[in-house]
PDB file of N, CA and C in Angstrom:
ATOM      1  N   MET A   1       0.837  -1.187   0.000  1.00  0.00           N
ATOM      2  CA  MET A   1       0.000   0.000   0.000  1.00  0.00           C
ATOM      3  C   MET A   1       0.875   1.242   0.000  1.00  0.00           C
ATOM      4  N   ALA A   2       0.420   2.241  -0.700  1.00  0.00           N
ATOM      5  CA  ALA A   2       1.126   3.510  -0.704  1.00  0.00           C
ATOM      6  C   ALA A   2       0.117   4.640  -0.542  1.00  0.00           C
ATOM      7  N   ASP A   3       0.450   5.615   0.288  1.00  0.00           N
ATOM      8  CA  ASP A   3      -0.348   6.834   0.402  1.00  0.00           C
ATOM      9  C   ASP A   3       0.206   7.821  -0.605  1.00  0.00           C
ATOM     10  N   LEU A   4      -0.642   8.263  -1.522  1.00  0.00           N
ATOM     11  CA  LEU A   4      -0.194   9.194  -2.554  1.00  0.00           C
ATOM     12  C   LEU A   4      -0.950  10.507  -2.453  1.00  0.00           C
ATOM     13  N   SER A   5      -0.241  11.594  -2.713  1.00  0.00           N
ATOM     14  CA  SER A   5      -0.894  12.892  -2.789  1.00  0.00           C
ATOM     15  C   SER A   5      -1.828  12.874  -4.002  1.00  0.00           C
ATOM     16  N   GLN A   6      -2.741  13.821  -4.050  1.00  0.00           N
ATOM     17  CA  GLN A   6      -3.676  13.881  -5.179  1.00  0.00           C
ATOM     18  C   GLN A   6      -2.912  13.965  -6.493  1.00  0.00           C
ATOM     19  N   LYS A   7      -1.864  14.773  -6.529  1.00  0.00           N
ATOM     20  CA  LYS A   7      -1.073  14.944  -7.751  1.00  0.00           C
ATOM     21  C   LYS A   7      -0.420  13.622  -8.169  1.00  0.00           C
ATOM     22  N   ASP A   8       0.233  12.944  -7.227  1.00  0.00           N
ATOM     23  CA  ASP A   8       0.909  11.687  -7.543  1.00  0.00           C
ATOM     24  C   ASP A   8      -0.083  10.583  -7.875  1.00  0.00           C
ATOM     25  N   TRP A   9      -1.203  10.540  -7.156  1.00  0.00           N
ATOM     26  CA  TRP A   9      -2.245   9.536  -7.376  1.00  0.00           C
ATOM     27  C   TRP A   9      -2.796   9.658  -8.793  1.00  0.00           C
ATOM     28  N   THR A  10      -3.127  10.893  -9.184  1.00  0.00           N
ATOM     29  CA  THR A  10      -3.687  11.146 -10.511  1.00  0.00           C
ATOM     30  C   THR A  10      -2.660  10.872 -11.601  1.00  0.00           C
ATOM     31  N   LYS A  11      -1.429  11.314 -11.383  1.00  0.00           N
ATOM     32  CA  LYS A  11      -0.355  11.115 -12.360  1.00  0.00           C
ATOM     33  C   LYS A  11      -0.099   9.624 -12.585  1.00  0.00           C
ATOM     34  N   GLN A  12      -0.014   8.874 -11.506  1.00  0.00           N
ATOM     35  CA  GLN A  12       0.247   7.441 -11.605  1.00  0.00           C
ATOM     36  C   GLN A  12      -0.948   6.730 -12.253  1.00  0.00           C
ATOM     37  N   LEU A  13      -2.161   7.111 -11.870  1.00  0.00           N
ATOM     38  CA  LEU A  13      -3.367   6.522 -12.437  1.00  0.00           C
ATOM     39  C   LEU A  13      -3.426   6.751 -13.946  1.00  0.00           C
ATOM     40  N   ASP A  14      -3.090   7.948 -14.381  1.00  0.00           N
ATOM     41  CA  ASP A  14      -3.131   8.284 -15.812  1.00  0.00           C
ATOM     42  C   ASP A  14      -2.188   7.413 -16.635  1.00  0.00           C
ATOM     43  N   LYS A  15      -1.074   6.988 -16.039  1.00  0.00           N
ATOM     44  CA  LYS A  15      -0.075   6.186 -16.760  1.00  0.00           C
ATOM     45  C   LYS A  15      -0.317   4.683 -16.632  1.00  0.00           C
ATOM     46  N   ASP A  16      -1.227   4.286 -15.752  1.00  0.00           N
ATOM     47  CA  ASP A  16      -1.432   2.875 -15.427  1.00  0.00           C
ATOM     48  C   ASP A  16      -2.536   2.281 -16.302  1.00  0.00           C
ATOM     49  N   ASN A  17      -2.169   1.366 -17.198  1.00  0.00           N
ATOM     50  CA  ASN A  17      -3.137   0.745 -18.100  1.00  0.00           C
ATOM     51  C   ASN A  17      -3.842  -0.453 -17.475  1.00  0.00           C
ATOM     52  N   ASN A  18      -3.511  -0.789 -16.249  1.00  0.00           N
ATOM     53  CA  ASN A  18      -4.086  -1.948 -15.577  1.00  0.00           C
ATOM     54  C   ASN A  18      -4.712  -1.510 -14.255  1.00  0.00           C
ATOM     55  N   SER A  19      -5.497  -0.418 -14.320  1.00  0.00           N
ATOM     56  CA  SER A  19      -5.960   0.213 -13.090  1.00  0.00           C
ATOM     57  C   SER A  19      -7.476   0.181 -12.923  1.00  0.00           C
ATOM     58  N   VAL A  20      -7.880   0.267 -11.649  1.00  0.00           N
ATOM     59  CA  VAL A  20      -9.278   0.377 -11.261  1.00  0.00           C
ATOM     60  C   VAL A  20      -9.347   1.440 -10.169  1.00  0.00           C
ATOM     61  N   VAL A  21     -10.303   2.362 -10.288  1.00  0.00           N
ATOM     62  CA  VAL A  21     -10.541   3.342  -9.237  1.00  0.00           C
ATOM     63  C   VAL A  21     -11.637   2.774  -8.339  1.00  0.00           C
ATOM     64  N   LEU A  22     -11.349   2.714  -7.048  1.00  0.00           N
ATOM     65  CA  LEU A  22     -12.272   2.115  -6.084  1.00  0.00           C
ATOM     66  C   LEU A  22     -12.705   3.151  -5.053  1.00  0.00           C
ATOM     67  N   ASP A  23     -14.005   3.388  -4.980  1.00  0.00           N
ATOM     68  CA  ASP A  23     -14.621   4.316  -4.036  1.00  0.00           C
ATOM     69  C   ASP A  23     -15.172   3.494  -2.877  1.00  0.00           C
ATOM     70  N   VAL A  24     -14.694   3.734  -1.651  1.00  0.00           N
ATOM     71  CA  VAL A  24     -15.128   2.947  -0.493  1.00  0.00           C
ATOM     72  C   VAL A  24     -16.061   3.740   0.437  1.00  0.00           C
ATOM     73  N   ARG A  25     -16.636   4.820  -0.071  1.00  0.00           N
ATOM     74  CA  ARG A  25     -17.529   5.659   0.729  1.00  0.00           C
ATOM     75  C   ARG A  25     -18.931   5.051   0.829  1.00  0.00           C
ATOM     76  N   THR A  26     -19.758   5.672   1.656  1.00  0.00           N
ATOM     77  CA  THR A  26     -21.154   5.256   1.785  1.00  0.00           C
ATOM     78  C   THR A  26     -21.943   5.703   0.550  1.00  0.00           C
ATOM     79  N   GLN A  27     -23.119   5.126   0.369  1.00  0.00           N
ATOM     80  CA  GLN A  27     -23.965   5.502  -0.772  1.00  0.00           C
ATOM     81  C   GLN A  27     -24.337   6.978  -0.712  1.00  0.00           C
ATOM     82  N   ASP A  28     -24.624   7.500   0.481  1.00  0.00           N
ATOM     83  CA  ASP A  28     -24.952   8.925   0.615  1.00  0.00           C
ATOM     84  C   ASP A  28     -23.796   9.797   0.149  1.00  0.00           C
ATOM     85  N   GLU A  29     -22.576   9.413   0.476  1.00  0.00           N
ATOM     86  CA  GLU A  29     -21.405  10.180   0.037  1.00  0.00           C
ATOM     87  C   GLU A  29     -21.230  10.092  -1.474  1.00  0.00           C
ATOM     88  N   VAL A  30     -21.473   8.923  -2.037  1.00  0.00           N
ATOM     89  CA  VAL A  30     -21.346   8.730  -3.486  1.00  0.00           C
ATOM     90  C   VAL A  30     -22.306   9.658  -4.230  1.00  0.00           C
ATOM     91  N   GLU A  31     -23.489   9.848  -3.670  1.00  0.00           N
ATOM     92  CA  GLU A  31     -24.483  10.705  -4.307  1.00  0.00           C
ATOM     93  C   GLU A  31     -24.057  12.168  -4.353  1.00  0.00           C
ATOM     94  N   GLU A  32     -23.044  12.543  -3.553  1.00  0.00           N
ATOM     95  CA  GLU A  32     -22.515  13.909  -3.562  1.00  0.00           C
ATOM     96  C   GLU A  32     -21.526  14.132  -4.703  1.00  0.00           C
ATOM     97  N   GLY A  33     -21.108  13.059  -5.365  1.00  0.00           N
ATOM     98  CA  GLY A  33     -20.167  13.157  -6.474  1.00  0.00           C
ATOM     99  C   GLY A  33     -19.161  12.024  -6.427  1.00  0.00           C
ATOM    100  N   VAL A  34     -18.592  11.712  -7.584  1.00  0.00           N
ATOM    101  CA  VAL A  34     -17.634  10.611  -7.692  1.00  0.00           C
ATOM    102  C   VAL A  34     -16.489  10.990  -8.608  1.00  0.00           C
ATOM    103  N   ILE A  35     -15.405  10.264  -8.490  1.00  0.00           N
ATOM    104  CA  ILE A  35     -14.321  10.356  -9.458  1.00  0.00           C
ATOM    105  C   ILE A  35     -14.758   9.494 -10.644  1.00  0.00           C
ATOM    106  N   PRO A  36     -14.678  10.011 -11.857  1.00  0.00           N
ATOM    107  CA  PRO A  36     -15.184   9.281 -13.023  1.00  0.00           C
ATOM    108  C   PRO A  36     -14.634   7.850 -13.125  1.00  0.00           C
ATOM    109  N   ASN A  37     -15.523   6.938 -13.527  1.00  0.00           N
ATOM    110  CA  ASN A  37     -15.214   5.532 -13.784  1.00  0.00           C
ATOM    111  C   ASN A  37     -14.885   4.719 -12.534  1.00  0.00           C
ATOM    112  N   ALA A  38     -15.179   5.244 -11.362  1.00  0.00           N
ATOM    113  CA  ALA A  38     -14.907   4.503 -10.126  1.00  0.00           C
ATOM    114  C   ALA A  38     -15.964   3.425  -9.913  1.00  0.00           C
ATOM    115  N   ILE A  39     -15.518   2.308  -9.313  1.00  0.00           N
ATOM    116  CA  ILE A  39     -16.471   1.322  -8.837  1.00  0.00           C
ATOM    117  C   ILE A  39     -16.681   1.591  -7.354  1.00  0.00           C
ATOM    118  N   HIS A  40     -17.849   1.250  -6.847  1.00  0.00           N
ATOM    119  CA  HIS A  40     -18.193   1.585  -5.460  1.00  0.00           C
ATOM    120  C   HIS A  40     -18.391   0.316  -4.647  1.00  0.00           C
ATOM    121  N   ILE A  41     -17.644   0.199  -3.555  1.00  0.00           N
ATOM    122  CA  ILE A  41     -17.859  -0.842  -2.562  1.00  0.00           C
ATOM    123  C   ILE A  41     -17.716  -0.173  -1.193  1.00  0.00           C
ATOM    124  N   ASP A  42     -18.813  -0.081  -0.461  1.00  0.00           N
ATOM    125  CA  ASP A  42     -18.839   0.607   0.827  1.00  0.00           C
ATOM    126  C   ASP A  42     -18.064  -0.206   1.874  1.00  0.00           C
ATOM    127  N   ILE A  43     -17.015   0.388   2.430  1.00  0.00           N
ATOM    128  CA  ILE A  43     -16.194  -0.299   3.431  1.00  0.00           C
ATOM    129  C   ILE A  43     -17.005  -0.640   4.688  1.00  0.00           C
ATOM    130  N   TYR A  44     -18.089   0.093   4.942  1.00  0.00           N
ATOM    131  CA  TYR A  44     -18.903  -0.174   6.126  1.00  0.00           C
ATOM    132  C   TYR A  44     -19.772  -1.424   5.976  1.00  0.00           C
ATOM    133  N   GLN A  45     -19.683  -2.131   4.855  1.00  0.00           N
ATOM    134  CA  GLN A  45     -20.421  -3.376   4.669  1.00  0.00           C
ATOM    135  C   GLN A  45     -19.811  -4.524   5.474  1.00  0.00           C
ATOM    136  N   GLY A  46     -18.662  -4.293   6.096  1.00  0.00           N
ATOM    137  CA  GLY A  46     -18.021  -5.330   6.908  1.00  0.00           C
ATOM    138  C   GLY A  46     -17.612  -6.526   6.070  1.00  0.00           C
ATOM    139  N   GLN A  47     -18.127  -7.698   6.411  1.00  0.00           N
ATOM    140  CA  GLN A  47     -17.782  -8.909   5.668  1.00  0.00           C
ATOM    141  C   GLN A  47     -18.212  -8.795   4.208  1.00  0.00           C
ATOM    142  N   GLY A  48     -19.295  -8.080   3.950  1.00  0.00           N
ATOM    143  CA  GLY A  48     -19.742  -7.863   2.572  1.00  0.00           C
ATOM    144  C   GLY A  48     -18.690  -7.130   1.754  1.00  0.00           C
ATOM    145  N   PHE A  49     -17.983  -6.200   2.404  1.00  0.00           N
ATOM    146  CA  PHE A  49     -16.899  -5.483   1.735  1.00  0.00           C
ATOM    147  C   PHE A  49     -15.796  -6.459   1.337  1.00  0.00           C
ATOM    148  N   ILE A  50     -15.415  -7.311   2.255  1.00  0.00           N
ATOM    149  CA  ILE A  50     -14.362  -8.302   1.984  1.00  0.00           C
ATOM    150  C   ILE A  50     -14.818  -9.263   0.892  1.00  0.00           C
ATOM    151  N   ASP A  51     -16.075  -9.693   0.950  1.00  0.00           N
ATOM    152  CA  ASP A  51     -16.604 -10.591  -0.076  1.00  0.00           C
ATOM    153  C   ASP A  51     -16.534  -9.951  -1.459  1.00  0.00           C
ATOM    154  N   GLU A  52     -16.869  -8.666  -1.550  1.00  0.00           N
ATOM    155  CA  GLU A  52     -16.812  -7.964  -2.840  1.00  0.00           C
ATOM    156  C   GLU A  52     -15.369  -7.802  -3.318  1.00  0.00           C
ATOM    157  N   LEU A  53     -14.446  -7.511  -2.390  1.00  0.00           N
ATOM    158  CA  LEU A  53     -13.036  -7.399  -2.763  1.00  0.00           C
ATOM    159  C   LEU A  53     -12.523  -8.714  -3.341  1.00  0.00           C
ATOM    160  N   GLU A  54     -12.948  -9.815  -2.756  1.00  0.00           N
ATOM    161  CA  GLU A  54     -12.489 -11.135  -3.202  1.00  0.00           C
ATOM    162  C   GLU A  54     -12.889 -11.427  -4.645  1.00  0.00           C
ATOM    163  N   LYS A  55     -13.888 -10.719  -5.157  1.00  0.00           N
ATOM    164  CA  LYS A  55     -14.341 -10.906  -6.537  1.00  0.00           C
ATOM    165  C   LYS A  55     -13.481 -10.129  -7.538  1.00  0.00           C
ATOM    166  N   LEU A  56     -12.657  -9.216  -7.035  1.00  0.00           N
ATOM    167  CA  LEU A  56     -11.855  -8.356  -7.906  1.00  0.00           C
ATOM    168  C   LEU A  56     -10.589  -9.061  -8.385  1.00  0.00           C
ATOM    169  N   ASP A  57     -10.061  -8.605  -9.507  1.00  0.00           N
ATOM    170  CA  ASP A  57      -8.835  -9.128 -10.105  1.00  0.00           C
ATOM    171  C   ASP A  57      -7.629  -8.592  -9.327  1.00  0.00           C
ATOM    172  N   LYS A  58      -6.924  -9.466  -8.640  1.00  0.00           N
ATOM    173  CA  LYS A  58      -5.804  -9.046  -7.788  1.00  0.00           C
ATOM    174  C   LYS A  58      -4.569  -8.643  -8.584  1.00  0.00           C
ATOM    175  N   THR A  59      -4.577  -8.864  -9.897  1.00  0.00           N
ATOM    176  CA  THR A  59      -3.427  -8.472 -10.714  1.00  0.00           C
ATOM    177  C   THR A  59      -3.506  -7.000 -11.139  1.00  0.00           C
ATOM    178  N   LYS A  60      -4.634  -6.368 -10.905  1.00  0.00           N
ATOM    179  CA  LYS A  60      -4.801  -4.964 -11.287  1.00  0.00           C
ATOM    180  C   LYS A  60      -4.273  -4.037 -10.189  1.00  0.00           C
ATOM    181  N   SER A  61      -4.093  -2.780 -10.556  1.00  0.00           N
ATOM    182  CA  SER A  61      -3.720  -1.736  -9.603  1.00  0.00           C
ATOM    183  C   SER A  61      -4.995  -1.027  -9.173  1.00  0.00           C
ATOM    184  N   TYR A  62      -5.154  -0.829  -7.869  1.00  0.00           N
ATOM    185  CA  TYR A  62      -6.359  -0.198  -7.336  1.00  0.00           C
ATOM    186  C   TYR A  62      -6.021   1.152  -6.721  1.00  0.00           C
ATOM    187  N   TYR A  63      -6.722   2.168  -7.199  1.00  0.00           N
ATOM    188  CA  TYR A  63      -6.573   3.532  -6.717  1.00  0.00           C
ATOM    189  C   TYR A  63      -7.803   3.809  -5.865  1.00  0.00           C
ATOM    190  N   VAL A  64      -7.602   3.828  -4.547  1.00  0.00           N
ATOM    191  CA  VAL A  64      -8.697   3.780  -3.588  1.00  0.00           C
ATOM    192  C   VAL A  64      -8.889   5.144  -2.941  1.00  0.00           C
ATOM    193  N   TYR A  65     -10.171   5.532  -2.803  1.00  0.00           N
ATOM    194  CA  TYR A  65     -10.444   6.800  -2.126  1.00  0.00           C
ATOM    195  C   TYR A  65     -11.715   6.717  -1.292  1.00  0.00           C
ATOM    196  N   CYS A  66     -11.777   7.619  -0.320  1.00  0.00           N
ATOM    197  CA  CYS A  66     -12.970   7.828   0.501  1.00  0.00           C
ATOM    198  C   CYS A  66     -13.140   9.340   0.620  1.00  0.00           C
ATOM    199  N   LYS A  67     -13.808   9.796   1.647  1.00  0.00           N
ATOM    200  CA  LYS A  67     -14.047  11.233   1.793  1.00  0.00           C
ATOM    201  C   LYS A  67     -12.769  11.996   2.146  1.00  0.00           C
ATOM    202  N   SER A  68     -11.983  11.445   3.101  1.00  0.00           N
ATOM    203  CA  SER A  68     -10.806  12.196   3.547  1.00  0.00           C
ATOM    204  C   SER A  68      -9.509  11.392   3.590  1.00  0.00           C
ATOM    205  N   GLY A  69      -9.545  10.117   3.233  1.00  0.00           N
ATOM    206  CA  GLY A  69      -8.327   9.315   3.171  1.00  0.00           C
ATOM    207  C   GLY A  69      -8.160   8.264   4.249  1.00  0.00           C
ATOM    208  N   GLY A  70      -8.952   8.333   5.308  1.00  0.00           N
ATOM    209  CA  GLY A  70      -8.815   7.374   6.405  1.00  0.00           C
ATOM    210  C   GLY A  70      -9.347   5.988   6.070  1.00  0.00           C
ATOM    211  N   ARG A  71     -10.600   5.934   5.642  1.00  0.00           N
ATOM    212  CA  ARG A  71     -11.200   4.637   5.306  1.00  0.00           C
ATOM    213  C   ARG A  71     -10.510   3.993   4.110  1.00  0.00           C
ATOM    214  N   SER A  72     -10.094   4.811   3.156  1.00  0.00           N
ATOM    215  CA  SER A  72      -9.416   4.239   1.984  1.00  0.00           C
ATOM    216  C   SER A  72      -8.059   3.667   2.387  1.00  0.00           C
ATOM    217  N   GLY A  73      -7.401   4.264   3.371  1.00  0.00           N
ATOM    218  CA  GLY A  73      -6.161   3.693   3.891  1.00  0.00           C
ATOM    219  C   GLY A  73      -6.417   2.336   4.538  1.00  0.00           C
ATOM    220  N   GLN A  74      -7.521   2.246   5.299  1.00  0.00           N
ATOM    221  CA  GLN A  74      -7.908   0.969   5.901  1.00  0.00           C
ATOM    222  C   GLN A  74      -8.234  -0.054   4.817  1.00  0.00           C
ATOM    223  N   ALA A  75      -8.934   0.386   3.783  1.00  0.00           N
ATOM    224  CA  ALA A  75      -9.291  -0.513   2.678  1.00  0.00           C
ATOM    225  C   ALA A  75      -8.038  -1.051   2.003  1.00  0.00           C
ATOM    226  N   CYS A  76      -7.053  -0.193   1.789  1.00  0.00           N
ATOM    227  CA  CYS A  76      -5.796  -0.635   1.165  1.00  0.00           C
ATOM    228  C   CYS A  76      -5.094  -1.677   2.038  1.00  0.00           C
ATOM    229  N   ALA A  77      -5.109  -1.467   3.351  1.00  0.00           N
ATOM    230  CA  ALA A  77      -4.489  -2.429   4.266  1.00  0.00           C
ATOM    231  C   ALA A  77      -5.205  -3.775   4.194  1.00  0.00           C
ATOM    232  N   ILE A  78      -6.537  -3.749   4.150  1.00  0.00           N
ATOM    233  CA  ILE A  78      -7.314  -4.985   4.010  1.00  0.00           C
ATOM    234  C   ILE A  78      -6.981  -5.660   2.689  1.00  0.00           C
ATOM    235  N   MET A  79      -6.902  -4.865   1.645  1.00  0.00           N
ATOM    236  CA  MET A  79      -6.587  -5.414   0.320  1.00  0.00           C
ATOM    237  C   MET A  79      -5.220  -6.083   0.315  1.00  0.00           C
ATOM    238  N   ASN A  80      -4.254  -5.468   0.963  1.00  0.00           N
ATOM    239  CA  ASN A  80      -2.914  -6.076   1.050  1.00  0.00           C
ATOM    240  C   ASN A  80      -2.980  -7.418   1.767  1.00  0.00           C
ATOM    241  N   GLN A  81      -3.759  -7.498   2.838  1.00  0.00           N
ATOM    242  CA  GLN A  81      -3.911  -8.758   3.577  1.00  0.00           C
ATOM    243  C   GLN A  81      -4.572  -9.828   2.719  1.00  0.00           C
ATOM    244  N   LEU A  82      -5.413  -9.402   1.776  1.00  0.00           N
ATOM    245  CA  LEU A  82      -6.117 -10.344   0.909  1.00  0.00           C
ATOM    246  C   LEU A  82      -5.302 -10.736  -0.328  1.00  0.00           C
ATOM    247  N   GLY A  83      -4.103 -10.161  -0.461  1.00  0.00           N
ATOM    248  CA  GLY A  83      -3.237 -10.538  -1.570  1.00  0.00           C
ATOM    249  C   GLY A  83      -3.177  -9.569  -2.734  1.00  0.00           C
ATOM    250  N   PHE A  84      -3.758  -8.380  -2.575  1.00  0.00           N
ATOM    251  CA  PHE A  84      -3.636  -7.352  -3.609  1.00  0.00           C
ATOM    252  C   PHE A  84      -2.261  -6.708  -3.454  1.00  0.00           C
ATOM    253  N   ASN A  85      -1.505  -6.648  -4.529  1.00  0.00           N
ATOM    254  CA  ASN A  85      -0.148  -6.098  -4.453  1.00  0.00           C
ATOM    255  C   ASN A  85      -0.072  -4.606  -4.713  1.00  0.00           C
ATOM    256  N   ASN A  86      -1.067  -4.068  -5.412  1.00  0.00           N
ATOM    257  CA  ASN A  86      -1.006  -2.665  -5.821  1.00  0.00           C
ATOM    258  C   ASN A  86      -2.283  -1.928  -5.434  1.00  0.00           C
ATOM    259  N   ALA A  87      -2.291  -1.398  -4.215  1.00  0.00           N
ATOM    260  CA  ALA A  87      -3.407  -0.601  -3.727  1.00  0.00           C
ATOM    261  C   ALA A  87      -2.849   0.752  -3.293  1.00  0.00           C
ATOM    262  N   TYR A  88      -3.401   1.812  -3.860  1.00  0.00           N
ATOM    263  CA  TYR A  88      -2.883   3.153  -3.621  1.00  0.00           C
ATOM    264  C   TYR A  88      -3.964   4.032  -3.004  1.00  0.00           C
ATOM    265  N   ASN A  89      -3.664   4.579  -1.845  1.00  0.00           N
ATOM    266  CA  ASN A  89      -4.592   5.416  -1.103  1.00  0.00           C
ATOM    267  C   ASN A  89      -4.449   6.882  -1.512  1.00  0.00           C
ATOM    268  N   LEU A  90      -5.588   7.523  -1.768  1.00  0.00           N
ATOM    269  CA  LEU A  90      -5.602   8.956  -2.071  1.00  0.00           C
ATOM    270  C   LEU A  90      -5.599   9.739  -0.765  1.00  0.00           C
ATOM    271  N   LYS A  91      -4.434  10.301  -0.402  1.00  0.00           N
ATOM    272  CA  LYS A  91      -4.342  11.125   0.817  1.00  0.00           C
ATOM    273  C   LYS A  91      -5.253  12.342   0.655  1.00  0.00           C
ATOM    274  N   GLY A  92      -6.016  12.617   1.682  1.00  0.00           N
ATOM    275  CA  GLY A  92      -6.931  13.761   1.627  1.00  0.00           C
ATOM    276  C   GLY A  92      -8.265  13.402   1.013  1.00  0.00           C
ATOM    277  N   GLY A  93      -8.341  12.273   0.347  1.00  0.00           N
ATOM    278  CA  GLY A  93      -9.585  11.745  -0.184  1.00  0.00           C
ATOM    279  C   GLY A  93     -10.275  12.593  -1.228  1.00  0.00           C
ATOM    280  N   PHE A  94     -11.560  12.322  -1.369  1.00  0.00           N
ATOM    281  CA  PHE A  94     -12.379  12.983  -2.383  1.00  0.00           C
ATOM    282  C   PHE A  94     -12.438  14.487  -2.165  1.00  0.00           C
ATOM    283  N   MET A  95     -12.424  14.921  -0.908  1.00  0.00           N
ATOM    284  CA  MET A  95     -12.492  16.357  -0.623  1.00  0.00           C
ATOM    285  C   MET A  95     -11.304  17.077  -1.244  1.00  0.00           C
ATOM    286  N   GLU A  96     -10.107  16.495  -1.121  1.00  0.00           N
ATOM    287  CA  GLU A  96      -8.926  17.128  -1.706  1.00  0.00           C
ATOM    288  C   GLU A  96      -8.964  17.045  -3.223  1.00  0.00           C
ATOM    289  N   TRP A  97      -9.344  15.880  -3.753  1.00  0.00           N
ATOM    290  CA  TRP A  97      -9.417  15.705  -5.202  1.00  0.00           C
ATOM    291  C   TRP A  97     -10.403  16.694  -5.795  1.00  0.00           C
ATOM    292  N   GLN A  98     -11.568  16.821  -5.176  1.00  0.00           N
ATOM    293  CA  GLN A  98     -12.603  17.719  -5.655  1.00  0.00           C
ATOM    294  C   GLN A  98     -12.119  19.170  -5.611  1.00  0.00           C
ATOM    295  N   GLY A  99     -11.402  19.511  -4.543  1.00  0.00           N
ATOM    296  CA  GLY A  99     -10.869  20.872  -4.425  1.00  0.00           C
ATOM    297  C   GLY A  99      -9.857  21.172  -5.500  1.00  0.00           C
ATOM    298  N   ASP A 100      -8.983  20.211  -5.798  1.00  0.00           N
ATOM    299  CA  ASP A 100      -7.979  20.413  -6.834  1.00  0.00           C
ATOM    300  C   ASP A 100      -8.608  20.503  -8.212  1.00  0.00           C
ATOM    301  N   VAL A 101      -9.624  19.700  -8.487  1.00  0.00           N
ATOM    302  CA  VAL A 101     -10.309  19.752  -9.778  1.00  0.00           C
ATOM    303  C   VAL A 101     -11.000  21.097  -9.956  1.00  0.00           C
ATOM    304  N   ALA A 102     -11.570  21.617  -8.882  1.00  0.00           N
ATOM    305  CA  ALA A 102     -12.266  22.896  -8.945  1.00  0.00           C
ATOM    306  C   ALA A 102     -11.306  24.038  -9.310  1.00  0.00           C
ATOM    307  N   GLN A 103     -10.031  23.861  -8.990  1.00  0.00           N
ATOM    308  CA  GLN A 103      -9.051  24.912  -9.279  1.00  0.00           C
ATOM    309  C   GLN A 103      -8.570  24.895 -10.727  1.00  0.00           C
ATOM    310  N   LEU A 104      -8.850  23.802 -11.441  1.00  0.00           N
ATOM    311  CA  LEU A 104      -8.389  23.692 -12.838  1.00  0.00           C
ATOM    312  C   LEU A 104      -9.150  24.612 -13.751  1.00  0.00           C
TER     313      LEU A 104
END
């Protein structure tokens, strides 16, 4: 797992042809906006979250985010325990990403 700044996360994601963006926020948070092309699995599903992760291709790179970076960091740690080799946490989460996009 690696914690990446918004700039590094986006830069690495743009160059990665084997990537998946994973949103681990709640459904209510997702309704406030998403990073394009993200798949959504709510980390608060507990065992359901782990069950959904187990369905994913572990050979891909996962760029994980939540609202502020805490839950996505936990998700990356869980993913590493499950055998995912490339899970990248967006430090600052969606709030930081959204703020940076607004400045463009």
